[in-house]
Protein backbone atom coordinates (compact mmCIF):
# COMPACT_ATOMS: atom_id res chain seq x y z
CA MET A 1 0.00 0.00 0.00
CA GLY A 2 3.02 2.29 0.30
CA HIS A 3 5.29 3.60 3.01
CA GLY A 4 3.55 4.48 6.25
CA HIS A 5 0.27 2.79 5.37
CA PRO A 6 -1.33 0.93 8.33
CA GLU A 7 -2.08 -2.16 6.18
CA CYS A 8 1.60 -3.09 6.04
CA PRO A 9 3.70 -6.27 5.72
CA GLU A 10 4.81 -5.91 9.33
CA ARG A 11 1.34 -7.03 10.42
CA LEU A 12 2.06 -10.61 9.35
CA LEU A 13 5.60 -10.48 10.73
CA ALA A 14 4.22 -9.46 14.14
CA ILE A 15 1.76 -12.35 14.13
CA GLU A 16 4.40 -14.88 13.11
CA SER A 17 6.78 -13.60 15.78
CA GLN A 18 4.05 -14.06 18.41
CA LEU A 19 3.44 -17.65 17.27
CA GLN A 20 7.05 -18.81 17.21
CA GLY A 21 8.23 -21.27 19.84
CA SER A 22 7.38 -24.63 21.32
CA GLU A 23 4.05 -23.48 22.80
CA TRP A 24 2.56 -23.38 19.30
CA ASP A 25 4.57 -26.10 17.54
CA HIS A 26 2.29 -28.94 18.68
CA ARG A 27 -0.95 -26.99 18.27
CA ILE A 28 -0.86 -25.59 14.75
CA VAL A 29 0.36 -26.70 11.34
CA ARG A 30 1.51 -23.95 9.00
CA LYS A 31 0.80 -24.26 5.29
CA GLU A 32 1.81 -22.06 2.37
CA PRO A 33 -1.42 -21.18 0.60
CA PRO A 34 -1.89 -21.59 -3.16
CA LEU A 35 -3.04 -18.88 -5.51
CA ALA A 36 -6.77 -18.83 -6.11
CA GLU A 37 -7.94 -19.77 -9.58
CA ASP A 38 -10.06 -17.33 -11.56
CA VAL A 39 -12.95 -19.79 -11.32
CA ASP A 40 -12.85 -19.33 -7.52
CA VAL A 41 -12.82 -15.55 -7.72
CA LEU A 42 -15.52 -15.41 -10.41
CA ARG A 43 -18.06 -16.97 -8.04
CA VAL A 44 -18.11 -13.55 -6.35
CA HIS A 45 -16.51 -10.97 -8.67
CA PRO A 46 -17.34 -10.52 -12.38
CA GLN A 47 -14.83 -10.91 -15.19
CA SER A 48 -15.05 -7.19 -15.91
CA TYR A 49 -13.70 -6.45 -12.42
CA LEU A 50 -10.81 -8.88 -12.84
CA ASP A 51 -10.00 -7.29 -16.19
CA ARG A 52 -9.89 -3.82 -14.60
CA LEU A 53 -7.61 -5.06 -11.82
CA HIS A 54 -5.16 -6.71 -14.20
CA ALA A 55 -5.09 -3.58 -16.34
CA ALA A 56 -4.40 -1.41 -13.28
CA VAL A 57 -1.31 -3.29 -12.04
CA PRO A 58 1.62 -0.88 -12.43
CA ALA A 59 4.99 -1.88 -13.86
CA ARG A 60 6.56 -0.04 -10.93
CA GLY A 61 5.44 2.10 -8.01
CA TYR A 62 1.79 2.31 -7.04
CA ALA A 63 -1.58 2.63 -8.74
CA ALA A 64 -4.59 3.85 -6.74
CA LEU A 65 -7.78 1.81 -6.99
CA ASP A 66 -9.61 4.14 -4.59
CA PRO A 67 -8.54 6.71 -1.96
CA ASP A 68 -7.62 3.92 0.52
CA THR A 69 -6.42 1.06 -1.70
CA CYS A 70 -3.38 0.83 -3.94
CA LEU A 71 -1.71 -1.77 -6.13
CA ASN A 72 2.02 -2.28 -6.51
CA PRO A 73 3.40 -4.77 -9.06
CA SER A 74 2.92 -7.68 -6.61
CA SER A 75 -0.38 -6.72 -4.95
CA LEU A 76 -2.73 -8.60 -7.24
CA ARG A 77 -0.73 -11.80 -6.82
CA ALA A 78 -0.97 -11.33 -3.05
CA ALA A 79 -4.73 -10.89 -3.37
CA TYR A 80 -4.98 -14.14 -5.35
CA ARG A 81 -2.96 -15.87 -2.63
CA ALA A 82 -5.14 -14.50 0.18
CA ALA A 83 -8.26 -15.75 -1.61
CA GLY A 84 -6.50 -19.03 -2.35
CA ALA A 85 -5.75 -19.49 1.33
CA ALA A 86 -9.43 -19.12 2.18
CA VAL A 87 -10.43 -21.66 -0.48
CA ALA A 88 -7.70 -24.15 0.51
CA ALA A 89 -8.62 -23.77 4.19
CA THR A 90 -12.25 -24.51 3.33
CA ASP A 91 -11.22 -27.67 1.48
CA ALA A 92 -8.99 -28.78 4.35
CA VAL A 93 -11.64 -28.26 7.02
CA ILE A 94 -14.48 -29.88 5.08
CA SER A 95 -12.31 -32.88 4.17
CA GLY A 96 -11.29 -33.35 7.79
CA GLU A 97 -7.62 -32.68 7.11
CA ALA A 98 -7.86 -29.78 9.56
CA THR A 99 -10.19 -29.23 12.49
CA ASN A 100 -10.40 -25.55 11.66
CA ALA A 101 -8.15 -22.96 10.05
CA PHE A 102 -6.91 -19.39 10.39
CA CYS A 103 -5.74 -17.56 7.26
CA GLY A 104 -3.08 -15.07 8.32
CA THR A 105 -2.99 -13.31 4.96
CA ARG A 106 -3.22 -9.87 3.45
CA PRO A 107 -4.74 -7.91 1.84
CA PRO A 108 -7.97 -8.18 3.85
CA GLY A 109 -11.27 -8.69 2.08
CA HIS A 110 -14.54 -7.77 3.77
CA HIS A 111 -14.90 -4.31 2.18
CA ALA A 112 -14.40 -5.64 -1.35
CA ARG A 113 -17.75 -5.29 -3.08
CA ILE A 114 -18.93 -7.35 -6.03
CA ASP A 115 -17.21 -5.12 -8.60
CA THR A 116 -15.37 -2.52 -6.52
CA SER A 117 -12.29 -2.49 -4.31
CA MET A 118 -12.31 -0.35 -1.19
CA GLY A 119 -10.95 -0.09 2.32
CA PHE A 120 -7.61 -1.88 1.66
CA CYS A 121 -9.54 -4.84 0.13
CA ILE A 122 -9.23 -6.23 -3.40
CA PHE A 123 -10.97 -9.64 -3.35
CA ASN A 124 -13.58 -10.62 -0.78
CA ASN A 125 -11.73 -13.59 0.69
CA VAL A 126 -14.51 -14.79 2.99
CA GLY A 127 -17.10 -14.31 0.27
CA ILE A 128 -15.06 -16.43 -2.14
CA ALA A 129 -14.62 -19.16 0.48
CA VAL A 130 -18.32 -19.20 1.37
CA ARG A 131 -19.32 -19.53 -2.28
CA HIS A 132 -16.81 -22.38 -2.60
CA ALA A 133 -18.34 -24.17 0.38
CA LEU A 134 -21.86 -23.76 -1.02
CA GLU A 135 -21.27 -24.44 -4.72
CA VAL A 136 -18.36 -26.89 -4.71
CA HIS A 137 -18.97 -28.78 -1.46
CA GLY A 138 -22.74 -28.55 -1.49
CA LEU A 139 -23.29 -27.12 1.97
CA GLU A 140 -26.75 -25.69 2.52
CA ARG A 141 -26.31 -23.33 5.48
CA VAL A 142 -23.20 -21.28 6.14
CA ALA A 143 -22.72 -18.52 8.74
CA ILE A 144 -20.35 -15.58 8.68
CA VAL A 145 -19.23 -13.82 11.86
CA ASP A 146 -17.56 -10.43 11.31
CA PHE A 147 -16.10 -8.72 14.38
CA ASP A 148 -13.92 -6.13 12.66
CA VAL A 149 -14.32 -2.56 13.94
CA HIS A 150 -15.58 -1.63 10.46
CA HIS A 151 -18.78 -2.99 8.93
CA GLY A 152 -18.17 -5.72 6.35
CA ASN A 153 -20.14 -3.92 3.68
CA GLY A 154 -18.73 -5.92 0.78
CA THR A 155 -19.66 -9.25 2.35
CA GLU A 156 -23.13 -7.94 3.12
CA GLU A 157 -23.60 -6.81 -0.48
CA ILE A 158 -22.59 -10.25 -1.77
CA PHE A 159 -24.92 -12.26 0.47
CA ALA A 160 -27.83 -9.94 1.34
CA GLY A 161 -31.05 -11.88 0.82
CA ASP A 162 -29.30 -15.24 0.36
CA ASP A 163 -31.19 -17.69 2.57
CA GLN A 164 -28.22 -20.11 2.59
CA VAL A 165 -26.07 -17.55 4.42
CA LEU A 166 -26.47 -15.86 7.80
CA MET A 167 -24.11 -12.98 8.59
CA VAL A 168 -23.79 -11.70 12.14
CA GLY A 169 -21.43 -9.04 13.38
CA SER A 170 -20.70 -5.88 15.26
CA PHE A 171 -18.89 -2.74 14.24
CA GLN A 172 -18.31 0.80 15.44
CA HIS A 173 -21.02 3.19 14.28
CA PRO A 174 -21.03 5.84 12.98
CA PHE A 175 -17.72 4.95 11.34
CA TYR A 176 -16.28 3.96 7.98
CA PRO A 177 -17.84 2.79 5.67
CA TYR A 178 -21.02 4.25 7.23
CA SER A 179 -23.16 1.27 6.34
CA GLY A 180 -24.91 -1.67 7.96
CA THR A 181 -27.70 0.13 9.79
CA ARG A 182 -30.29 0.83 7.07
CA ASN A 183 -32.27 -1.39 4.69
CA ARG A 184 -30.74 -4.56 6.07
CA ALA A 185 -31.74 -7.89 4.58
CA SER A 186 -33.30 -10.37 6.99
CA ASN A 187 -30.19 -12.60 6.92
CA MET A 188 -27.95 -9.74 8.12
CA ILE A 189 -27.79 -9.52 11.92
CA ASN A 190 -25.79 -6.33 12.41
CA VAL A 191 -25.07 -4.90 15.86
CA PRO A 192 -23.68 -1.36 15.61
CA LEU A 193 -21.80 -0.30 18.74
CA PRO A 194 -20.79 3.22 19.79
CA ALA A 195 -17.22 4.45 20.01
CA GLY A 196 -15.77 3.51 23.38
CA ALA A 197 -17.75 0.29 23.70
CA ASP A 198 -15.71 -2.20 25.72
CA GLY A 199 -15.62 -5.96 25.75
CA GLN A 200 -18.51 -6.25 28.17
CA VAL A 201 -20.77 -4.39 25.74
CA MET A 202 -19.68 -6.76 22.98
CA ARG A 203 -20.27 -9.83 25.15
CA GLU A 204 -23.79 -8.70 25.99
CA ALA A 205 -24.55 -8.10 22.30
CA ALA A 206 -23.18 -11.52 21.41
CA GLU A 207 -25.15 -13.30 24.13
CA GLN A 208 -28.40 -11.49 23.39
CA ILE A 209 -28.32 -11.20 19.58
CA TRP A 210 -25.52 -12.98 17.68
CA LEU A 211 -25.43 -16.33 19.40
CA PRO A 212 -29.20 -16.91 19.48
CA ALA A 213 -29.33 -16.11 15.74
CA LEU A 214 -26.51 -18.57 15.03
CA GLU A 215 -28.17 -21.25 17.15
CA ALA A 216 -31.46 -20.85 15.33
CA PHE A 217 -29.75 -20.98 11.91
CA GLN A 218 -27.76 -24.14 12.76
CA PRO A 219 -24.92 -23.50 10.29
CA GLN A 220 -23.05 -26.42 8.74
CA MET A 221 -19.87 -24.31 8.71
CA ILE A 222 -18.80 -20.94 10.12
CA PHE A 223 -16.52 -18.39 8.50
CA ILE A 224 -15.01 -15.56 10.54
CA SER A 225 -13.95 -12.16 9.25
CA ALA A 226 -11.45 -11.72 12.05
CA GLY A 227 -10.63 -8.06 12.44
CA PHE A 228 -8.73 -7.07 15.55
CA ASP A 229 -9.03 -3.29 15.18
CA ALA A 230 -11.73 -3.01 17.87
CA HIS A 231 -8.82 -3.45 20.32
CA GLU A 232 -8.34 -0.60 22.76
CA ASP A 233 -4.80 -0.02 21.44
CA ASP A 234 -5.72 0.15 17.76
CA PRO A 235 -4.95 3.49 16.07
CA LEU A 236 -7.83 3.40 13.54
CA GLY A 237 -10.80 2.42 15.71
CA GLN A 238 -12.18 3.88 18.92
CA MET A 239 -13.44 0.71 20.58
CA CYS A 240 -12.05 -0.70 23.84
CA TRP A 241 -11.84 -4.47 23.50
CA ALA A 242 -8.99 -6.39 25.15
CA ASP A 243 -7.07 -9.54 24.19
CA GLU A 244 -9.27 -11.78 26.34
CA ASP A 245 -12.43 -10.51 24.62
CA TYR A 246 -11.27 -12.08 21.36
CA HIS A 247 -10.62 -15.34 23.17
CA TRP A 248 -14.06 -15.29 24.81
CA LEU A 249 -15.83 -14.55 21.52
CA THR A 250 -13.90 -17.25 19.66
CA GLN A 251 -14.84 -19.79 22.31
CA ARG A 252 -18.53 -18.91 21.98
CA ILE A 253 -18.34 -19.26 18.20
CA MET A 254 -16.54 -22.57 18.64
CA GLU A 255 -19.33 -23.85 20.86
CA VAL A 256 -21.90 -23.14 18.13
CA ALA A 257 -19.67 -24.81 15.53
CA GLN A 258 -19.27 -27.90 17.69
CA ARG A 259 -23.03 -28.23 18.17
CA HIS A 260 -24.08 -27.68 14.57
CA ALA A 261 -21.08 -27.68 12.20
CA ARG A 262 -18.81 -30.52 13.34
CA GLY A 263 -16.52 -27.81 14.71
CA ARG A 264 -15.79 -26.50 11.21
CA ILE A 265 -14.49 -22.93 11.19
CA VAL A 266 -12.38 -20.98 8.71
CA SER A 267 -11.18 -17.62 10.02
CA CYS A 268 -9.63 -14.97 7.76
CA LEU A 269 -7.60 -11.99 8.95
CA GLU A 270 -9.17 -8.61 8.32
CA GLY A 271 -8.10 -5.49 10.25
CA GLY A 272 -5.83 -4.83 13.22
CA TYR A 273 -3.18 -2.14 12.98
CA ASP A 274 -1.39 -1.86 16.30
CA LEU A 275 1.25 -4.53 15.75
CA ALA A 276 1.60 -5.68 19.36
CA ALA A 277 -2.14 -5.73 20.01
CA LEU A 278 -2.77 -7.50 16.71
CA ALA A 279 -0.24 -10.22 17.49
CA ARG A 280 -1.60 -10.84 20.99
CA SER A 281 -5.21 -10.80 19.80
CA VAL A 282 -4.51 -13.32 17.04
CA ALA A 283 -2.83 -15.56 19.61
CA ALA A 284 -5.92 -15.25 21.83
CA HIS A 285 -8.12 -16.08 18.82
CA LEU A 286 -6.03 -19.16 18.04
CA ASP A 287 -6.17 -20.19 21.68
CA GLY A 288 -9.92 -20.21 21.27
CA LEU A 289 -9.81 -22.11 17.99
CA THR A 290 -7.52 -24.77 19.47
CA GLY A 291 -9.53 -25.06 22.67
CA ASP A 292 -6.88 -23.65 25.01
CA SER A 293 -8.11 -21.38 27.79
CA SER A 294 -5.12 -21.53 30.11
CA THR A 295 -3.62 -18.18 29.12
CA HIS A 296 -6.87 -16.27 28.66
CA PRO A 297 -9.21 -16.65 31.62
CA ASP A 298 -12.60 -15.18 30.80
């Protein structure tokens, strides 16, 4: 994205540094993700959009797709790899090769609309994975949980009115992209929260609104748009969640998955821009996904 941009390569380096060492060696298996095929991407984005992206890739330097999102010569390949990770993770979890999966990739995806990039996002990674689960693997009910500080407007646009998909989530409001509160489809369970809302506010919203909706839907698989920018230390958001809140929420999602979806979860990294807070929060999230509560009492 360019020098000084918050969506930077150091985000993944911070996460990997947090996960190094014997504590994680026996709990997770790292895999290099493949590039997505165009057939995967075209389940969500039209050919005309792909053509525009390929035409926009610069030979050197940067090309702006919108005021927040740029391409350098390698960005589109990275976007194909991020989407490919989500697809490969879906295959691995459905086949039983993996219990669940976290895609620590960038660029993020949940702002990418059907034919428009925005908000650092090029391809909608979770959207592509959900379509893969529905159309390739034949699942009938899939849930998306989005807990980024920003509303996942692209994901909502893709699945609004689709009775095979339930999307639940919270986000700071009013805040970029200033969506998610009006003309919502019945399968969109959005919980806007005010600036300054702490983890207790989130937990109450989850217990009262998100989790009952997920239980009633009985998803066969759950996808998570895992943004960690609602953390109290994040420079872009104004929410006040802590590391243990991400662990608590992941555990609650895991409980739903175990009851209805054979434990099947694919989580994809979205936001999170304070490097230390991001790394700790991802570790707390993975503690929840692997069933470890020893370091994050709730």
